[in-house]
């Protein structure tokens, strides 16, 4: 099952928390785990978008300084471009990239290109959101437009991540409350 924008809408909806007070612990765990998987996918997606923001920003800076594009220089500086802190105004401070093993365990849930296209509202035939290797072939105007779209998607992904964190916390608190109140049997954790 691939995580879609519709799935994210449902997981981020206030309705996702409906029934938390009365739901069985197994259901709470299932809902918490689904939210955690979605958050991990969004964390990975957010970092991919931030990497593209860094790449486009570096290319625009290069053009401002030298008046031209230089793919060789961009490739050579890629490790330092991606490792540097976000530039001012590039959005919230980034989190660490999820551990690749954790991401790999999600299997088919990570259809990043499709999810990103849905979140960005991409139109078929329109330039893709992630310019990647094409960054040097785009005009300054195209790069500027791409940068604005990337920042918009980064804000959207970050907003959804915050909602997922709130939901995960609510599910976890409800689970803990069940054990504290005796409504759930701690021995069930050993089964």
N, C-alpha and C. Protein backbone atom coordinates (compact mmCIF):
# COMPACT_ATOMS: atom_id res chain seq x y z
N UNK A 1 0.84 -1.17 0.00
CA UNK A 1 0.00 0.00 0.00
C UNK A 1 0.89 1.24 0.00
N UNK A 2 0.65 2.11 -0.90
CA UNK A 2 1.42 3.33 -1.03
C UNK A 2 0.74 4.45 -0.25
N UNK A 3 1.52 5.25 0.45
CA UNK A 3 0.97 6.39 1.18
C UNK A 3 0.64 7.48 0.18
N UNK A 4 -0.59 7.93 0.19
CA UNK A 4 -1.04 8.96 -0.75
C UNK A 4 -1.38 10.24 0.00
N UNK A 5 -1.58 11.30 -0.74
CA UNK A 5 -2.01 12.56 -0.14
C UNK A 5 -3.36 12.38 0.56
N UNK A 6 -4.23 11.54 0.01
CA UNK A 6 -5.52 11.27 0.65
C UNK A 6 -5.32 10.58 2.00
N UNK A 7 -4.40 9.61 2.05
CA UNK A 7 -4.09 8.96 3.33
C UNK A 7 -3.59 9.99 4.34
N UNK A 8 -2.72 10.88 3.89
CA UNK A 8 -2.20 11.92 4.78
C UNK A 8 -3.30 12.84 5.26
N UNK A 9 -4.21 13.18 4.36
CA UNK A 9 -5.35 14.03 4.76
C UNK A 9 -6.12 13.37 5.89
N UNK A 10 -6.34 12.07 5.77
CA UNK A 10 -7.10 11.34 6.79
C UNK A 10 -6.32 11.27 8.11
N UNK A 11 -5.01 10.97 8.02
CA UNK A 11 -4.20 10.86 9.22
C UNK A 11 -4.00 12.20 9.92
N UNK A 12 -4.02 13.28 9.17
CA UNK A 12 -3.82 14.62 9.73
C UNK A 12 -5.13 15.29 10.13
N UNK A 13 -6.23 14.68 9.79
CA UNK A 13 -7.55 15.25 10.09
C UNK A 13 -7.82 15.17 11.59
N UNK A 14 -8.51 16.17 12.15
CA UNK A 14 -8.93 16.07 13.55
C UNK A 14 -9.79 14.84 13.79
N UNK A 15 -10.49 14.38 12.76
CA UNK A 15 -11.35 13.20 12.90
C UNK A 15 -10.53 11.94 13.20
N UNK A 16 -9.24 11.97 12.89
CA UNK A 16 -8.38 10.82 13.17
C UNK A 16 -8.31 10.54 14.67
N UNK A 17 -8.55 11.58 15.46
CA UNK A 17 -8.50 11.43 16.92
C UNK A 17 -9.86 11.07 17.52
N UNK A 18 -10.90 11.00 16.68
CA UNK A 18 -12.23 10.64 17.17
C UNK A 18 -12.18 9.27 17.84
N UNK A 19 -12.82 9.17 18.98
CA UNK A 19 -12.92 7.90 19.68
C UNK A 19 -11.69 7.48 20.45
N UNK A 20 -10.70 8.36 20.57
CA UNK A 20 -9.46 8.00 21.28
C UNK A 20 -9.76 7.59 22.71
N UNK A 21 -10.71 8.23 23.34
CA UNK A 21 -11.02 7.96 24.74
C UNK A 21 -11.57 6.54 24.93
N UNK A 22 -12.32 6.05 23.95
CA UNK A 22 -12.98 4.76 24.10
C UNK A 22 -12.34 3.63 23.28
N UNK A 23 -11.42 3.95 22.41
CA UNK A 23 -10.85 2.93 21.52
C UNK A 23 -10.02 1.92 22.31
N UNK A 24 -10.07 0.66 21.87
CA UNK A 24 -9.22 -0.36 22.51
C UNK A 24 -7.74 -0.04 22.27
N UNK A 25 -6.90 -0.52 23.17
CA UNK A 25 -5.47 -0.26 23.07
C UNK A 25 -4.91 -0.76 21.74
N UNK A 26 -5.38 -1.90 21.26
CA UNK A 26 -4.86 -2.42 19.99
C UNK A 26 -5.16 -1.45 18.84
N UNK A 27 -6.34 -0.85 18.87
CA UNK A 27 -6.68 0.12 17.82
C UNK A 27 -5.83 1.39 17.97
N UNK A 28 -5.62 1.82 19.20
CA UNK A 28 -4.78 3.00 19.43
C UNK A 28 -3.36 2.75 18.91
N UNK A 29 -2.84 1.56 19.17
CA UNK A 29 -1.50 1.23 18.68
C UNK A 29 -1.47 1.22 17.15
N UNK A 30 -2.50 0.67 16.55
CA UNK A 30 -2.55 0.62 15.09
C UNK A 30 -2.58 2.03 14.50
N UNK A 31 -3.40 2.89 15.09
CA UNK A 31 -3.49 4.27 14.60
C UNK A 31 -2.20 5.04 14.85
N UNK A 32 -1.59 4.82 16.02
CA UNK A 32 -0.31 5.47 16.32
C UNK A 32 0.77 5.00 15.34
N UNK A 33 0.82 3.69 15.09
CA UNK A 33 1.84 3.15 14.19
C UNK A 33 1.67 3.67 12.77
N UNK A 34 0.41 3.79 12.31
CA UNK A 34 0.17 4.34 10.96
C UNK A 34 0.63 5.79 10.89
N UNK A 35 0.39 6.53 11.95
CA UNK A 35 0.84 7.93 12.00
C UNK A 35 2.36 8.02 12.04
N UNK A 36 2.99 7.12 12.77
CA UNK A 36 4.45 7.10 12.84
C UNK A 36 5.06 6.76 11.48
N UNK A 37 4.47 5.79 10.77
CA UNK A 37 4.99 5.45 9.43
C UNK A 37 4.84 6.63 8.49
N UNK A 38 3.69 7.29 8.55
CA UNK A 38 3.46 8.46 7.69
C UNK A 38 4.43 9.58 8.03
N UNK A 39 4.69 9.78 9.32
CA UNK A 39 5.64 10.82 9.73
C UNK A 39 7.04 10.50 9.22
N UNK A 40 7.42 9.23 9.24
CA UNK A 40 8.74 8.85 8.75
C UNK A 40 8.86 9.12 7.25
N UNK A 41 7.82 8.79 6.51
CA UNK A 41 7.82 9.07 5.07
C UNK A 41 7.92 10.57 4.83
N UNK A 42 7.14 11.35 5.58
CA UNK A 42 7.19 12.80 5.41
C UNK A 42 8.54 13.37 5.82
N UNK A 43 9.17 12.80 6.83
CA UNK A 43 10.51 13.25 7.23
C UNK A 43 11.49 13.04 6.09
N UNK A 44 11.42 11.88 5.47
CA UNK A 44 12.31 11.57 4.35
C UNK A 44 12.00 12.50 3.17
N UNK A 45 10.73 12.67 2.88
CA UNK A 45 10.32 13.54 1.77
C UNK A 45 10.75 14.98 2.04
N UNK A 46 10.58 15.43 3.25
CA UNK A 46 10.96 16.80 3.61
C UNK A 46 12.45 17.02 3.39
N UNK A 47 13.26 16.05 3.79
CA UNK A 47 14.71 16.19 3.61
C UNK A 47 15.06 16.19 2.13
N UNK A 48 14.37 15.39 1.32
CA UNK A 48 14.62 15.39 -0.13
C UNK A 48 14.30 16.76 -0.72
N UNK A 49 13.19 17.34 -0.29
CA UNK A 49 12.80 18.67 -0.77
C UNK A 49 13.81 19.71 -0.30
N UNK A 50 14.24 19.62 0.96
CA UNK A 50 15.23 20.57 1.46
C UNK A 50 16.54 20.45 0.70
N UNK A 51 16.93 19.24 0.32
CA UNK A 51 18.13 19.06 -0.49
C UNK A 51 17.99 19.77 -1.82
N UNK A 52 16.82 19.68 -2.42
CA UNK A 52 16.58 20.37 -3.70
C UNK A 52 16.60 21.89 -3.50
N UNK A 53 16.04 22.36 -2.39
CA UNK A 53 16.09 23.80 -2.10
C UNK A 53 17.55 24.25 -2.01
N UNK A 54 18.36 23.47 -1.30
CA UNK A 54 19.79 23.80 -1.17
C UNK A 54 20.48 23.81 -2.53
N UNK A 55 20.14 22.85 -3.38
CA UNK A 55 20.74 22.74 -4.70
C UNK A 55 20.35 23.93 -5.59
N UNK A 56 19.09 24.26 -5.62
CA UNK A 56 18.62 25.40 -6.43
C UNK A 56 19.21 26.70 -5.90
N UNK A 57 19.25 26.85 -4.59
CA UNK A 57 19.82 28.06 -3.98
C UNK A 57 21.30 28.19 -4.34
N UNK A 58 22.04 27.08 -4.30
CA UNK A 58 23.46 27.10 -4.65
C UNK A 58 23.65 27.49 -6.11
N UNK A 59 22.79 26.98 -6.98
CA UNK A 59 22.90 27.32 -8.41
C UNK A 59 22.58 28.80 -8.63
N UNK A 60 21.56 29.31 -7.99
CA UNK A 60 21.23 30.73 -8.12
C UNK A 60 22.36 31.61 -7.58
N UNK A 61 22.95 31.20 -6.45
CA UNK A 61 24.08 31.95 -5.89
C UNK A 61 25.27 31.96 -6.85
N UNK A 62 25.53 30.80 -7.45
CA UNK A 62 26.64 30.69 -8.42
C UNK A 62 26.41 31.64 -9.60
N UNK A 63 25.20 31.67 -10.09
CA UNK A 63 24.90 32.55 -11.22
C UNK A 63 25.00 34.02 -10.84
N UNK A 64 24.59 34.36 -9.63
CA UNK A 64 24.71 35.76 -9.18
C UNK A 64 26.18 36.17 -9.06
N UNK A 65 27.01 35.26 -8.58
CA UNK A 65 28.43 35.57 -8.37
C UNK A 65 29.22 35.61 -9.66
N UNK A 66 28.97 34.63 -10.54
CA UNK A 66 29.82 34.50 -11.73
C UNK A 66 29.11 34.83 -13.04
N UNK A 67 27.79 34.91 -12.99
CA UNK A 67 27.04 35.18 -14.21
C UNK A 67 26.81 33.97 -15.09
N UNK A 68 27.21 32.79 -14.59
CA UNK A 68 27.01 31.58 -15.40
C UNK A 68 26.79 30.35 -14.51
N UNK A 69 26.32 29.30 -15.15
CA UNK A 69 26.11 28.03 -14.49
C UNK A 69 27.37 27.18 -14.65
N UNK A 70 27.64 26.32 -13.66
CA UNK A 70 28.81 25.45 -13.74
C UNK A 70 28.45 24.11 -13.10
N UNK A 71 28.02 23.17 -13.93
CA UNK A 71 27.59 21.87 -13.45
C UNK A 71 28.73 21.15 -12.72
N UNK A 72 29.94 21.23 -13.24
CA UNK A 72 31.09 20.58 -12.60
C UNK A 72 31.30 21.08 -11.18
N UNK A 73 31.22 22.39 -11.01
CA UNK A 73 31.38 22.97 -9.69
C UNK A 73 30.24 22.54 -8.77
N UNK A 74 29.04 22.51 -9.30
CA UNK A 74 27.89 22.12 -8.51
C UNK A 74 28.04 20.68 -8.02
N UNK A 75 28.45 19.78 -8.91
CA UNK A 75 28.64 18.38 -8.53
C UNK A 75 29.76 18.27 -7.50
N UNK A 76 30.85 18.99 -7.72
CA UNK A 76 31.99 18.95 -6.81
C UNK A 76 31.61 19.45 -5.42
N UNK A 77 30.78 20.46 -5.34
CA UNK A 77 30.40 21.05 -4.06
C UNK A 77 29.14 20.43 -3.45
N UNK A 78 28.56 19.46 -4.13
CA UNK A 78 27.30 18.86 -3.66
C UNK A 78 27.36 18.39 -2.20
N UNK A 79 28.42 17.67 -1.78
CA UNK A 79 28.43 17.25 -0.37
C UNK A 79 28.35 18.42 0.61
N UNK A 80 29.07 19.49 0.34
CA UNK A 80 29.03 20.62 1.27
C UNK A 80 27.73 21.40 1.14
N UNK A 81 27.15 21.43 -0.05
CA UNK A 81 25.86 22.11 -0.24
C UNK A 81 24.78 21.42 0.59
N UNK A 82 24.76 20.10 0.53
CA UNK A 82 23.72 19.35 1.23
C UNK A 82 23.97 19.25 2.73
N UNK A 83 25.23 19.44 3.15
CA UNK A 83 25.57 19.34 4.57
C UNK A 83 25.46 20.67 5.30
N UNK A 84 25.36 21.76 4.56
CA UNK A 84 25.33 23.08 5.20
C UNK A 84 23.99 23.34 5.85
N UNK A 85 23.98 24.23 6.86
CA UNK A 85 22.69 24.57 7.50
C UNK A 85 21.81 25.31 6.51
N UNK A 86 20.50 25.31 6.75
CA UNK A 86 19.59 25.98 5.82
C UNK A 86 19.90 27.48 5.77
N UNK A 87 19.74 28.05 4.57
CA UNK A 87 19.95 29.48 4.44
C UNK A 87 18.79 30.23 5.08
N UNK A 88 19.03 31.46 5.47
CA UNK A 88 18.00 32.27 6.12
C UNK A 88 16.77 32.36 5.22
N UNK A 89 15.62 32.12 5.81
CA UNK A 89 14.37 32.21 5.07
C UNK A 89 14.03 30.96 4.28
N UNK A 90 14.84 29.92 4.41
CA UNK A 90 14.58 28.70 3.65
C UNK A 90 13.59 27.79 4.35
N UNK A 91 13.06 28.23 5.48
CA UNK A 91 12.07 27.42 6.17
C UNK A 91 12.58 27.03 7.54
N UNK A 92 11.82 26.18 8.23
CA UNK A 92 12.19 25.79 9.58
C UNK A 92 13.50 25.00 9.59
N UNK A 93 14.12 24.95 10.74
CA UNK A 93 15.35 24.17 10.87
C UNK A 93 15.03 22.73 10.56
N UNK A 94 15.89 22.12 9.82
CA UNK A 94 15.61 20.76 9.38
C UNK A 94 15.91 19.72 10.45
N UNK A 95 15.21 18.65 10.35
CA UNK A 95 15.46 17.54 11.26
C UNK A 95 16.47 16.63 10.60
N UNK A 96 16.90 15.63 11.34
CA UNK A 96 17.83 14.68 10.76
C UNK A 96 17.07 13.75 9.84
N UNK A 97 17.76 13.23 8.87
CA UNK A 97 17.18 12.30 7.92
C UNK A 97 16.88 10.99 8.64
N UNK A 98 15.71 10.41 8.41
CA UNK A 98 15.43 9.12 9.05
C UNK A 98 16.48 8.09 8.66
N UNK A 99 16.70 7.14 9.53
CA UNK A 99 17.67 6.09 9.26
C UNK A 99 17.18 5.30 8.05
N UNK A 100 18.09 5.09 7.10
CA UNK A 100 17.71 4.43 5.84
C UNK A 100 17.08 3.06 6.07
N UNK A 101 17.57 2.32 7.07
CA UNK A 101 16.97 1.02 7.35
C UNK A 101 15.51 1.16 7.73
N UNK A 102 15.20 2.19 8.53
CA UNK A 102 13.81 2.44 8.92
C UNK A 102 12.96 2.77 7.71
N UNK A 103 13.50 3.60 6.82
CA UNK A 103 12.77 3.99 5.62
C UNK A 103 12.60 2.79 4.70
N UNK A 104 13.65 2.00 4.55
CA UNK A 104 13.58 0.84 3.66
C UNK A 104 12.52 -0.16 4.13
N UNK A 105 12.31 -0.26 5.45
CA UNK A 105 11.31 -1.18 5.98
C UNK A 105 9.90 -0.82 5.53
N UNK A 106 9.70 0.42 5.12
CA UNK A 106 8.36 0.84 4.71
C UNK A 106 7.99 0.32 3.33
N UNK A 107 8.99 -0.17 2.60
CA UNK A 107 8.74 -0.79 1.31
C UNK A 107 7.96 0.07 0.36
N UNK A 108 6.82 -0.44 -0.10
CA UNK A 108 6.01 0.24 -1.11
C UNK A 108 5.36 1.52 -0.61
N UNK A 109 5.42 1.79 0.69
CA UNK A 109 4.79 3.00 1.20
C UNK A 109 5.52 4.25 0.72
N UNK A 110 6.75 4.09 0.26
CA UNK A 110 7.51 5.27 -0.16
C UNK A 110 7.49 5.36 -1.68
N UNK A 111 6.45 5.94 -2.19
CA UNK A 111 6.36 6.31 -3.60
C UNK A 111 6.54 7.83 -3.61
N UNK A 112 7.78 8.24 -3.27
CA UNK A 112 8.05 9.66 -3.04
C UNK A 112 7.67 10.54 -4.21
N UNK A 113 7.99 10.10 -5.41
CA UNK A 113 7.70 10.95 -6.57
C UNK A 113 6.20 11.18 -6.72
N UNK A 114 5.41 10.13 -6.52
CA UNK A 114 3.96 10.27 -6.64
C UNK A 114 3.39 11.12 -5.50
N UNK A 115 3.86 10.85 -4.28
CA UNK A 115 3.38 11.61 -3.13
C UNK A 115 3.76 13.08 -3.26
N UNK A 116 4.98 13.34 -3.67
CA UNK A 116 5.44 14.71 -3.85
C UNK A 116 4.61 15.42 -4.91
N UNK A 117 4.34 14.73 -6.02
CA UNK A 117 3.53 15.33 -7.08
C UNK A 117 2.13 15.67 -6.57
N UNK A 118 1.55 14.77 -5.76
CA UNK A 118 0.22 15.04 -5.19
C UNK A 118 0.26 16.23 -4.25
N UNK A 119 1.25 16.27 -3.36
CA UNK A 119 1.34 17.36 -2.40
C UNK A 119 1.61 18.70 -3.07
N UNK A 120 2.37 18.66 -4.16
CA UNK A 120 2.73 19.89 -4.88
C UNK A 120 1.65 20.30 -5.86
N UNK A 121 0.66 19.44 -6.08
CA UNK A 121 -0.39 19.76 -7.04
C UNK A 121 0.16 19.84 -8.46
N UNK A 122 1.12 18.95 -8.77
CA UNK A 122 1.74 18.98 -10.10
C UNK A 122 0.72 18.65 -11.17
N UNK A 123 0.89 19.30 -12.28
CA UNK A 123 0.03 19.11 -13.44
C UNK A 123 0.83 18.34 -14.49
N UNK A 124 0.24 17.29 -15.11
CA UNK A 124 0.97 16.58 -16.15
C UNK A 124 1.45 17.54 -17.24
N UNK A 125 2.69 17.37 -17.64
CA UNK A 125 3.27 18.23 -18.67
C UNK A 125 3.98 19.45 -18.09
N UNK A 126 3.75 19.73 -16.82
CA UNK A 126 4.41 20.84 -16.14
C UNK A 126 5.80 20.39 -15.72
N UNK A 127 6.72 21.33 -15.57
CA UNK A 127 8.07 20.99 -15.12
C UNK A 127 7.97 20.31 -13.76
N UNK A 128 8.74 19.24 -13.54
CA UNK A 128 8.68 18.56 -12.25
C UNK A 128 9.17 19.46 -11.12
N UNK A 129 8.70 19.19 -9.93
CA UNK A 129 9.06 20.00 -8.78
C UNK A 129 10.54 19.89 -8.46
N UNK A 130 11.09 18.70 -8.54
CA UNK A 130 12.49 18.49 -8.20
C UNK A 130 13.35 18.59 -9.46
N UNK A 131 14.07 19.71 -9.63
CA UNK A 131 14.86 19.87 -10.85
C UNK A 131 16.07 18.94 -10.90
N UNK A 132 16.64 18.58 -9.75
CA UNK A 132 17.76 17.65 -9.70
C UNK A 132 18.86 17.99 -10.67
N UNK A 133 19.21 17.02 -11.51
CA UNK A 133 20.32 17.18 -12.45
C UNK A 133 20.04 18.24 -13.51
N UNK A 134 18.80 18.62 -13.68
CA UNK A 134 18.45 19.63 -14.69
C UNK A 134 18.64 21.06 -14.19
N UNK A 135 19.08 21.22 -12.95
CA UNK A 135 19.15 22.54 -12.34
C UNK A 135 19.97 23.53 -13.17
N UNK A 136 21.03 23.07 -13.81
CA UNK A 136 21.89 23.98 -14.58
C UNK A 136 21.29 24.35 -15.93
N UNK A 137 20.32 23.60 -16.38
CA UNK A 137 19.72 23.89 -17.69
C UNK A 137 18.50 24.81 -17.59
N UNK A 138 18.06 25.10 -16.38
CA UNK A 138 16.89 25.95 -16.20
C UNK A 138 17.30 27.43 -16.18
N UNK A 139 16.40 28.26 -16.64
CA UNK A 139 16.65 29.71 -16.60
C UNK A 139 16.54 30.19 -15.16
N UNK A 140 17.03 31.39 -14.91
CA UNK A 140 16.94 31.97 -13.58
C UNK A 140 15.48 32.10 -13.14
N UNK A 141 14.61 32.48 -14.07
CA UNK A 141 13.18 32.59 -13.74
C UNK A 141 12.59 31.22 -13.37
N UNK A 142 12.95 30.20 -14.14
CA UNK A 142 12.46 28.85 -13.84
C UNK A 142 12.99 28.37 -12.49
N UNK A 143 14.26 28.68 -12.20
CA UNK A 143 14.82 28.30 -10.91
C UNK A 143 14.12 29.02 -9.77
N UNK A 144 13.84 30.31 -9.96
CA UNK A 144 13.13 31.07 -8.94
C UNK A 144 11.75 30.50 -8.68
N UNK A 145 11.04 30.15 -9.75
CA UNK A 145 9.71 29.56 -9.61
C UNK A 145 9.80 28.20 -8.92
N UNK A 146 10.81 27.42 -9.31
CA UNK A 146 11.02 26.11 -8.70
C UNK A 146 11.31 26.25 -7.21
N UNK A 147 12.14 27.22 -6.87
CA UNK A 147 12.50 27.45 -5.47
C UNK A 147 11.26 27.82 -4.65
N UNK A 148 10.42 28.67 -5.19
CA UNK A 148 9.20 29.05 -4.47
C UNK A 148 8.28 27.84 -4.28
N UNK A 149 8.12 27.03 -5.31
CA UNK A 149 7.29 25.82 -5.20
C UNK A 149 7.88 24.85 -4.18
N UNK A 150 9.21 24.68 -4.19
CA UNK A 150 9.86 23.79 -3.24
C UNK A 150 9.63 24.27 -1.80
N UNK A 151 9.76 25.56 -1.59
CA UNK A 151 9.55 26.10 -0.25
C UNK A 151 8.11 25.94 0.20
N UNK A 152 7.19 26.09 -0.73
CA UNK A 152 5.77 25.90 -0.41
C UNK A 152 5.50 24.45 -0.01
N UNK A 153 6.06 23.51 -0.77
CA UNK A 153 5.87 22.10 -0.45
C UNK A 153 6.54 21.76 0.87
N UNK A 154 7.73 22.33 1.13
CA UNK A 154 8.42 22.08 2.40
C UNK A 154 7.57 22.56 3.58
N UNK A 155 6.94 23.71 3.42
CA UNK A 155 6.06 24.22 4.49
C UNK A 155 4.86 23.29 4.69
N UNK A 156 4.29 22.81 3.59
CA UNK A 156 3.14 21.90 3.68
C UNK A 156 3.53 20.59 4.35
N UNK A 157 4.65 20.03 3.95
CA UNK A 157 5.12 18.78 4.55
C UNK A 157 5.41 18.98 6.03
N UNK A 158 6.06 20.08 6.38
CA UNK A 158 6.37 20.37 7.78
C UNK A 158 5.10 20.53 8.61
N UNK A 159 4.10 21.18 8.06
CA UNK A 159 2.83 21.36 8.75
C UNK A 159 2.17 20.01 9.01
N UNK A 160 2.17 19.16 8.02
CA UNK A 160 1.57 17.83 8.20
C UNK A 160 2.35 17.00 9.21
N UNK A 161 3.67 17.14 9.20
CA UNK A 161 4.48 16.42 10.19
C UNK A 161 4.12 16.87 11.60
N UNK A 162 3.95 18.16 11.80
CA UNK A 162 3.58 18.67 13.13
C UNK A 162 2.25 18.07 13.59
N UNK A 163 1.27 18.02 12.67
CA UNK A 163 -0.02 17.42 13.01
C UNK A 163 0.13 15.94 13.37
N UNK A 164 0.94 15.24 12.60
CA UNK A 164 1.16 13.82 12.89
C UNK A 164 1.81 13.65 14.26
N UNK A 165 2.76 14.50 14.60
CA UNK A 165 3.39 14.42 15.92
C UNK A 165 2.35 14.64 17.02
N UNK A 166 1.46 15.58 16.82
CA UNK A 166 0.39 15.82 17.81
C UNK A 166 -0.49 14.58 17.96
N UNK A 167 -0.83 13.96 16.83
CA UNK A 167 -1.69 12.77 16.88
C UNK A 167 -0.95 11.60 17.53
N UNK A 168 0.30 11.42 17.18
CA UNK A 168 1.10 10.34 17.78
C UNK A 168 1.15 10.53 19.30
N UNK A 169 1.38 11.76 19.73
CA UNK A 169 1.42 12.05 21.17
C UNK A 169 0.07 11.75 21.82
N UNK A 170 -1.02 12.09 21.17
CA UNK A 170 -2.36 11.84 21.72
C UNK A 170 -2.63 10.34 21.83
N UNK A 171 -2.25 9.58 20.79
CA UNK A 171 -2.44 8.12 20.84
C UNK A 171 -1.60 7.52 21.95
N UNK A 172 -0.36 7.95 22.05
CA UNK A 172 0.54 7.41 23.06
C UNK A 172 0.04 7.74 24.46
N UNK A 173 -0.42 8.97 24.66
CA UNK A 173 -0.95 9.36 25.97
C UNK A 173 -2.17 8.52 26.34
N UNK A 174 -3.03 8.26 25.37
CA UNK A 174 -4.23 7.44 25.64
C UNK A 174 -3.82 6.01 26.00
N UNK A 175 -2.81 5.48 25.33
CA UNK A 175 -2.32 4.12 25.65
C UNK A 175 -1.77 4.09 27.07
N UNK A 176 -0.95 5.05 27.41
CA UNK A 176 -0.36 5.11 28.75
C UNK A 176 -1.46 5.25 29.80
N UNK A 177 -2.44 6.11 29.52
CA UNK A 177 -3.55 6.28 30.47
C UNK A 177 -4.28 4.97 30.72
N UNK A 178 -4.48 4.17 29.68
CA UNK A 178 -5.17 2.88 29.83
C UNK A 178 -4.41 1.97 30.78
N UNK A 179 -3.08 1.96 30.64
CA UNK A 179 -2.30 1.10 31.53
C UNK A 179 -2.27 1.65 32.95
N UNK A 180 -2.17 2.96 33.09
CA UNK A 180 -2.15 3.57 34.43
C UNK A 180 -3.46 3.35 35.16
N UNK A 181 -4.56 3.43 34.44
CA UNK A 181 -5.88 3.29 35.07
C UNK A 181 -6.28 1.84 35.28
N UNK A 182 -5.54 0.92 34.70
CA UNK A 182 -5.89 -0.49 34.82
C UNK A 182 -6.87 -0.95 33.76
N UNK A 183 -7.25 -0.07 32.85
CA UNK A 183 -8.19 -0.43 31.79
C UNK A 183 -7.55 -1.37 30.78
N UNK A 184 -6.23 -1.40 30.72
CA UNK A 184 -5.50 -2.32 29.83
C UNK A 184 -4.61 -3.20 30.69
N UNK A 185 -4.46 -4.43 30.26
CA UNK A 185 -3.67 -5.40 31.00
C UNK A 185 -2.21 -5.37 30.52
N UNK A 186 -1.27 -4.99 31.39
CA UNK A 186 0.14 -4.94 30.98
C UNK A 186 0.67 -6.30 30.55
N UNK A 187 0.07 -7.39 31.03
CA UNK A 187 0.51 -8.73 30.62
C UNK A 187 0.28 -8.96 29.13
N UNK A 188 -0.66 -8.21 28.55
CA UNK A 188 -0.93 -8.36 27.11
C UNK A 188 0.26 -7.93 26.26
N UNK A 189 1.14 -7.12 26.85
CA UNK A 189 2.32 -6.68 26.12
C UNK A 189 3.31 -7.83 25.92
N UNK A 190 3.24 -8.82 26.79
CA UNK A 190 4.15 -9.97 26.72
C UNK A 190 3.68 -11.04 25.78
N UNK A 191 2.44 -10.97 25.36
CA UNK A 191 1.86 -12.02 24.50
C UNK A 191 2.36 -11.92 23.09
